[in-house]
Protein backbone atom coordinates (compact mmCIF):
# COMPACT_ATOMS: atom_id res chain seq x y z
CA MET A 1 -65.03 9.29 -37.93
CA LYS A 2 -64.29 12.23 -35.67
CA ARG A 3 -62.12 11.79 -32.48
CA LEU A 4 -61.87 14.64 -30.03
CA LEU A 5 -58.54 14.31 -28.23
CA VAL A 6 -58.32 16.69 -25.19
CA VAL A 7 -54.84 17.49 -23.44
CA VAL A 8 -55.38 18.91 -20.11
CA LEU A 9 -53.35 22.03 -19.24
CA PHE A 10 -52.41 23.78 -15.98
CA ASP A 11 -49.59 25.80 -14.63
CA GLN A 12 -45.96 24.30 -14.62
CA ILE A 13 -46.91 21.43 -16.67
CA ASP A 14 -44.14 19.60 -18.70
CA LEU A 15 -43.99 21.06 -22.14
CA LEU A 16 -43.01 17.68 -23.80
CA ASP A 17 -46.08 15.98 -22.26
CA VAL A 18 -48.27 18.49 -24.15
CA THR A 19 -46.28 18.81 -27.58
CA GLY A 20 -45.17 15.31 -27.87
CA PRO A 21 -48.40 13.52 -28.42
CA ALA A 22 -49.64 16.46 -30.55
CA GLU A 23 -46.70 15.88 -32.86
CA VAL A 24 -47.25 12.11 -33.08
CA PHE A 25 -50.98 12.77 -34.04
CA SER A 26 -50.14 15.44 -36.61
CA LEU A 27 -47.44 13.23 -38.31
CA LEU A 28 -50.07 10.48 -38.63
CA GLN A 29 -51.85 12.85 -41.08
CA ARG A 30 -48.84 12.70 -43.19
CA GLU A 31 -49.01 8.83 -43.47
CA MET A 32 -52.69 8.63 -44.47
CA SER A 33 -54.47 9.29 -47.73
CA ARG A 34 -57.76 10.22 -45.73
CA PRO A 35 -58.38 12.51 -42.65
CA THR A 36 -57.41 10.85 -39.34
CA GLY A 37 -60.54 12.44 -37.84
CA TYR A 38 -58.33 13.56 -34.97
CA GLU A 39 -59.07 16.97 -33.40
CA VAL A 40 -56.53 17.90 -30.82
CA VAL A 41 -57.63 20.66 -28.37
CA LEU A 42 -55.93 21.93 -25.36
CA ALA A 43 -58.10 22.63 -22.50
CA ALA A 44 -57.54 24.57 -19.24
CA GLU A 45 -59.63 26.45 -16.52
CA THR A 46 -59.49 29.75 -18.47
CA LEU A 47 -58.23 30.91 -21.78
CA GLU A 48 -55.22 32.65 -20.38
CA PRO A 49 -51.78 31.42 -21.42
CA VAL A 50 -50.40 28.53 -19.24
CA THR A 51 -46.77 28.72 -18.32
CA THR A 52 -44.96 25.35 -18.52
CA SER A 53 -42.04 24.16 -16.40
CA ALA A 54 -39.67 25.11 -19.42
CA GLY A 55 -40.95 28.66 -19.25
CA VAL A 56 -42.83 28.41 -22.58
CA ARG A 57 -46.24 29.59 -22.56
CA VAL A 58 -49.07 27.62 -24.15
CA VAL A 59 -52.48 28.91 -25.16
CA PRO A 60 -55.47 26.75 -24.51
CA ASP A 61 -58.03 26.15 -27.16
CA VAL A 62 -61.06 25.99 -24.90
CA THR A 63 -61.97 25.91 -21.30
CA PHE A 64 -63.11 22.89 -19.24
CA ALA A 65 -66.64 24.35 -19.06
CA GLU A 66 -66.85 24.50 -22.92
CA LEU A 67 -66.39 20.60 -22.89
CA SER A 68 -69.07 20.05 -20.42
CA ARG A 69 -71.46 18.69 -23.11
CA LYS A 70 -69.02 17.04 -25.56
CA ALA A 71 -68.27 13.57 -26.08
CA ILE A 72 -64.36 13.05 -25.73
CA ASP A 73 -62.72 10.14 -27.51
CA THR A 74 -59.22 10.51 -25.55
CA LEU A 75 -58.41 12.69 -22.49
CA ILE A 76 -54.61 13.15 -22.19
CA VAL A 77 -53.44 14.14 -18.72
CA PRO A 78 -49.75 15.36 -18.40
CA GLY A 79 -48.11 16.05 -15.19
CA ALA A 80 -46.08 18.60 -13.16
CA VAL A 81 -43.54 18.25 -10.42
CA THR A 82 -41.87 20.20 -7.50
CA THR A 83 -38.17 19.73 -6.79
CA ARG A 84 -37.39 19.93 -3.14
CA GLU A 85 -33.97 21.55 -1.67
CA ASN A 86 -32.56 18.03 -1.30
CA GLY A 87 -33.15 17.22 -4.95
CA LYS A 88 -36.22 15.01 -4.49
CA VAL A 89 -38.83 15.18 -7.16
CA ILE A 90 -42.40 15.21 -5.94
CA ALA A 91 -45.53 14.87 -8.27
CA ARG A 92 -48.00 17.68 -7.94
CA CYS A 93 -51.73 17.29 -7.77
CA ASP A 94 -53.87 20.46 -7.83
CA PRO A 95 -57.29 19.40 -6.45
CA ALA A 96 -59.22 21.43 -8.83
CA VAL A 97 -57.38 19.81 -11.80
CA VAL A 98 -58.12 16.47 -10.17
CA GLU A 99 -61.65 17.24 -10.10
CA GLU A 100 -61.91 18.48 -13.62
CA VAL A 101 -60.16 15.34 -14.79
CA ARG A 102 -62.58 13.31 -12.81
CA ARG A 103 -65.56 15.04 -14.50
CA LEU A 104 -64.16 15.07 -18.07
CA ALA A 105 -63.13 11.25 -17.81
CA ALA A 106 -66.82 10.36 -17.13
CA ARG A 107 -67.56 11.36 -20.91
CA THR A 108 -64.32 9.96 -22.26
CA ARG A 109 -63.85 6.65 -24.16
CA ARG A 110 -60.37 6.27 -22.92
CA VAL A 111 -58.04 8.22 -20.57
CA ALA A 112 -54.16 8.46 -20.85
CA SER A 113 -51.73 9.96 -18.44
CA VAL A 114 -48.33 11.10 -19.48
CA CYS A 115 -45.47 10.88 -16.93
CA VAL A 116 -46.37 12.00 -13.56
CA GLY A 117 -49.92 12.69 -14.81
CA ALA A 118 -50.62 9.21 -13.38
CA HIS A 119 -50.83 10.89 -9.90
CA ILE A 120 -53.69 13.06 -11.07
CA LEU A 121 -55.56 10.01 -12.37
CA ALA A 122 -54.96 8.15 -9.08
CA ALA A 123 -56.14 10.99 -7.11
CA ALA A 124 -59.38 11.10 -9.34
CA GLY A 125 -59.89 7.32 -8.42
CA LEU A 126 -59.46 6.43 -12.03
CA LEU A 127 -56.61 3.91 -11.27
CA ASP A 128 -58.25 2.16 -8.44
CA GLY A 129 -57.59 -1.67 -8.74
CA LYS A 130 -55.61 -1.03 -11.90
CA ARG A 131 -52.03 -1.49 -12.94
CA ALA A 132 -50.08 1.69 -13.82
CA THR A 133 -46.88 3.33 -14.52
CA THR A 134 -45.32 6.80 -13.97
CA HIS A 135 -41.92 8.27 -14.25
CA TRP A 136 -39.46 6.20 -12.20
CA SER A 137 -38.46 9.20 -9.73
CA THR A 138 -42.08 9.39 -8.29
CA ALA A 139 -43.09 5.67 -8.64
CA ARG A 140 -42.63 5.26 -4.80
CA GLN A 141 -44.76 8.31 -3.94
CA LEU A 142 -47.45 7.10 -6.34
CA ALA A 143 -47.39 3.50 -4.56
CA ALA A 144 -47.20 5.02 -1.11
CA GLU A 145 -50.11 7.51 -1.56
CA HIS A 146 -52.42 5.16 -3.56
CA PRO A 147 -52.01 1.52 -2.26
CA GLU A 148 -55.21 0.71 -4.40
CA VAL A 149 -52.94 0.94 -7.56
CA THR A 150 -50.43 -1.64 -8.73
CA VAL A 151 -47.50 0.52 -9.61
CA ASP A 152 -44.98 -0.89 -12.03
CA ALA A 153 -42.13 1.54 -12.66
CA ASP A 154 -40.45 -0.37 -15.49
CA PRO A 155 -42.90 -0.44 -18.50
CA ILE A 156 -42.64 2.45 -21.02
CA PHE A 157 -46.47 2.35 -21.02
CA ILE A 158 -49.30 0.28 -19.53
CA ARG A 159 -52.83 -0.24 -20.73
CA ASP A 160 -55.31 -1.52 -18.23
CA GLY A 161 -58.93 -1.42 -19.81
CA SER A 162 -59.72 1.89 -20.99
CA VAL A 163 -56.96 3.70 -19.06
CA TRP A 164 -53.49 4.04 -20.22
CA THR A 165 -50.48 5.28 -18.43
CA GLY A 166 -47.06 6.43 -19.66
CA ALA A 167 -43.59 6.58 -18.04
CA GLY A 168 -41.26 9.43 -17.98
CA LEU A 169 -41.12 12.44 -20.41
CA SER A 170 -40.15 11.04 -23.78
CA ALA A 171 -42.19 7.95 -23.23
CA CYS A 172 -45.16 10.38 -24.06
CA LEU A 173 -44.08 9.60 -27.79
CA ASP A 174 -44.42 5.81 -27.03
CA LEU A 175 -47.76 6.19 -25.49
CA ALA A 176 -49.01 8.42 -28.28
CA LEU A 177 -47.85 5.77 -30.97
CA ALA A 178 -49.51 3.19 -28.93
CA LEU A 179 -52.83 5.18 -29.07
CA VAL A 180 -52.27 5.56 -32.85
CA ALA A 181 -51.85 1.81 -33.23
CA ASP A 182 -54.93 1.08 -31.18
CA ASP A 183 -56.90 3.22 -33.51
CA PHE A 184 -55.34 2.64 -36.90
CA GLY A 185 -53.04 -0.36 -36.55
CA PRO A 186 -49.44 -1.20 -36.03
CA LYS A 187 -48.42 -0.63 -39.71
CA LEU A 188 -49.51 3.19 -39.62
CA ALA A 189 -48.05 3.55 -36.17
CA SER A 190 -44.62 1.99 -37.39
CA ARG A 191 -44.53 4.50 -40.32
CA VAL A 192 -44.95 7.50 -37.82
CA ALA A 193 -42.33 5.91 -35.55
CA ARG A 194 -39.92 6.21 -38.53
CA GLN A 195 -40.77 9.68 -39.07
CA LEU A 196 -39.85 10.36 -35.55
CA VAL A 197 -36.60 8.28 -35.88
CA MET A 198 -37.64 6.06 -32.93
CA PHE A 199 -38.73 2.42 -32.21
CA LEU A 200 -42.27 1.69 -32.41
CA ARG A 201 -41.49 -0.42 -29.36
CA ARG A 202 -38.27 0.72 -27.73
CA PRO A 203 -36.10 -1.96 -26.42
CA GLY A 204 -36.18 -2.52 -22.66
CA GLY A 205 -37.90 -0.60 -19.96
CA GLN A 206 -37.76 2.43 -17.84
CA SER A 207 -35.60 0.87 -15.34
CA GLN A 208 -32.57 1.20 -17.79
CA PHE A 209 -32.76 5.05 -17.10
CA SER A 210 -33.68 5.14 -13.49
CA VAL A 211 -31.26 5.21 -10.46
CA SER A 212 -32.32 1.96 -8.94
CA LEU A 213 -30.44 2.71 -5.72
CA GLU A 214 -31.63 6.31 -4.91
CA PRO A 215 -31.14 7.33 -1.39
CA ALA A 216 -33.87 5.82 0.86
CA SER A 217 -35.17 6.94 4.22
CA ALA A 218 -33.66 4.33 6.52
CA THR A 219 -32.22 3.94 9.96
CA ARG A 220 -28.46 4.43 10.75
CA ARG A 221 -28.07 0.74 10.96
CA VAL A 222 -29.59 0.20 7.39
CA ASP A 223 -27.35 2.98 6.08
CA GLU A 224 -24.46 1.44 7.56
CA LEU A 225 -25.36 -1.90 5.90
CA ARG A 226 -25.77 -0.29 2.52
CA GLN A 227 -22.36 1.18 2.77
CA TYR A 228 -21.01 -2.05 3.80
CA ILE A 229 -22.53 -3.81 0.73
CA ALA A 230 -21.37 -1.16 -1.63
CA ALA A 231 -17.74 -1.57 -0.31
CA HIS A 232 -17.84 -5.37 -0.44
CA LEU A 233 -19.70 -6.27 -3.52
CA ALA A 234 -17.03 -9.12 -4.42
CA ASP A 235 -17.67 -10.92 -1.16
CA PRO A 236 -20.65 -13.52 -0.99
CA LEU A 237 -22.98 -11.20 1.00
CA THR A 238 -25.38 -13.95 1.98
CA VAL A 239 -28.27 -13.12 4.34
CA SER A 240 -26.08 -14.82 7.05
CA ASP A 241 -23.23 -12.64 6.28
CA LEU A 242 -25.10 -9.47 6.46
CA ALA A 243 -26.80 -10.82 9.89
CA ALA A 244 -23.58 -11.47 11.32
CA HIS A 245 -22.25 -7.92 10.36
CA ALA A 246 -25.26 -6.35 11.87
CA HIS A 247 -25.18 -8.63 15.04
CA VAL A 248 -28.82 -9.82 14.50
CA THR A 249 -30.41 -12.93 13.25
CA ASP A 250 -31.10 -13.96 9.68
CA ARG A 251 -34.87 -13.32 10.30
CA GLN A 252 -34.41 -10.06 11.81
CA ILE A 253 -32.09 -8.65 8.79
CA THR A 254 -34.88 -9.93 6.43
CA ARG A 255 -37.46 -8.16 8.31
CA VAL A 256 -35.55 -4.92 8.47
CA PHE A 257 -34.68 -5.02 4.84
CA LYS A 258 -38.40 -5.44 3.70
CA ALA A 259 -39.63 -2.80 6.30
CA GLU A 260 -37.04 -0.09 5.44
CA LEU A 261 -35.96 -0.83 1.82
CA GLY A 262 -38.93 -2.78 0.47
CA MET A 263 -37.00 -5.72 -0.55
CA THR A 264 -35.10 -8.91 0.67
CA PRO A 265 -31.45 -8.59 1.48
CA ALA A 266 -30.66 -10.71 -1.60
CA ALA A 267 -32.56 -8.60 -3.84
CA TYR A 268 -30.94 -5.40 -2.46
CA VAL A 269 -27.49 -7.02 -3.19
CA GLU A 270 -28.29 -7.89 -6.57
CA HIS A 271 -29.58 -4.30 -7.39
CA ALA A 272 -26.31 -2.93 -5.65
CA ARG A 273 -24.22 -5.25 -7.97
CA VAL A 274 -26.16 -4.24 -11.10
CA GLU A 275 -25.96 -0.46 -10.24
CA ALA A 276 -22.18 -0.90 -9.96
CA ALA A 277 -21.83 -2.79 -13.01
CA ARG A 278 -24.01 -0.06 -14.87
CA HIS A 279 -21.48 2.40 -13.71
CA ARG A 280 -18.58 0.51 -15.28
CA LEU A 281 -20.30 -0.29 -18.55
CA GLU A 282 -20.85 3.48 -18.86
CA THR A 283 -17.58 4.65 -17.96
CA THR A 284 -14.93 2.04 -18.56
CA ASP A 285 -13.74 -0.34 -21.35
CA GLU A 286 -13.33 -3.25 -18.93
CA THR A 287 -14.35 -6.69 -20.18
CA LEU A 288 -17.50 -8.23 -18.94
CA SER A 289 -15.43 -10.93 -17.26
CA ARG A 290 -13.59 -8.12 -15.20
CA ILE A 291 -16.83 -6.34 -14.27
CA ALA A 292 -18.58 -9.50 -13.44
CA GLY A 293 -15.83 -10.39 -10.95
CA VAL A 294 -15.32 -6.95 -9.40
CA CYS A 295 -19.03 -6.35 -8.91
CA GLY A 296 -19.72 -9.83 -7.31
CA PHE A 297 -21.49 -11.77 -10.09
CA GLY A 298 -18.66 -14.29 -10.42
CA THR A 299 -19.33 -15.16 -14.11
CA VAL A 300 -20.53 -13.22 -17.15
CA SER A 301 -23.71 -15.65 -17.47
CA THR A 302 -24.75 -14.56 -13.97
CA LEU A 303 -24.15 -10.89 -14.86
CA ASN A 304 -26.35 -11.48 -18.06
CA ARG A 305 -28.98 -13.19 -16.09
CA SER A 306 -29.29 -10.27 -13.32
CA PHE A 307 -29.34 -7.65 -16.12
CA ARG A 308 -32.01 -9.60 -17.85
CA ARG A 309 -34.05 -9.85 -14.68
CA THR A 310 -33.67 -6.36 -13.44
CA LEU A 311 -33.20 -4.32 -16.56
CA ASN A 312 -34.71 -6.42 -19.40
CA THR A 313 -31.55 -5.98 -21.53
CA THR A 314 -28.01 -7.40 -21.64
CA PRO A 315 -24.66 -5.81 -20.39
CA ASN A 316 -23.55 -5.36 -24.05
CA GLU A 317 -26.69 -3.66 -25.24
CA TYR A 318 -26.66 -1.63 -22.16
CA ARG A 319 -23.11 -0.47 -22.77
CA GLU A 320 -24.03 0.31 -26.41
CA ARG A 321 -26.88 2.58 -25.36
CA PHE A 322 -25.39 4.42 -22.51
CA ARG A 323 -21.53 4.36 -22.92
CA ILE A 324 -20.08 7.92 -22.01
CA GLY A 325 -17.33 9.17 -24.18
């Protein structure tokens, strides 16, 4: 069975988003005694080389126009970003690319975005009413610009019907393995994963890699409260405590946190404590009991529950994976 897999190319695209899935599909052939049927082609507006964000040039196989009458099995849409002077990463969406993706998707069995390629799918209307993921650094942007999409920044990939979305960068391998498993079963996908020296399903989600308390656009009062919380993690920090510190009512403090930080005061305090614990797990040999006390969890069991709830892992597993030095 022939399967045409098309990878969309455009300027400043992330190189791994292009080469990662192609490598997975190539390795699949090593594990099969018969042809996979996969034909991977790189498509762009013209046949001129496309310069990736890594500076490596990639040569397209076909133009978008040449695909106008072909049935596509899988359309893979990578992404590109712009980094502003303040370090903030913004996903890019070229209207011409969005229109080509919309047109090609109409003749495609399934569509998959890699990393911030989800923004292109959303702009093309392909994620309306669906649950989707993207790189954690642009998840807020995706949710703000496309409220019709249910954005979940934690999963490594999400399938919603015939549309698949993948998380950040190396997650393109996880997504490609999932596509292989969908086509040929988990056993073959597992064998390809072993060739790549990776998990078929990696433990935990994308939140383990993200900066959960990235700087937010907030009023001076909320910024002061965030600084106060960071300096008093071992204190109770109840809603009433925070309201008293800000000289407002409990109801007002809850309304302010939800409006400016997108979460309740209790949720923010938990995230702040988890972030502090993550730093200590990465950089020190302190016991879990010590970390639980200093970061305001009180007990190791509470620390464990918070890590399970917010990062889908345990403190010990996190330390093993991210310990520095």
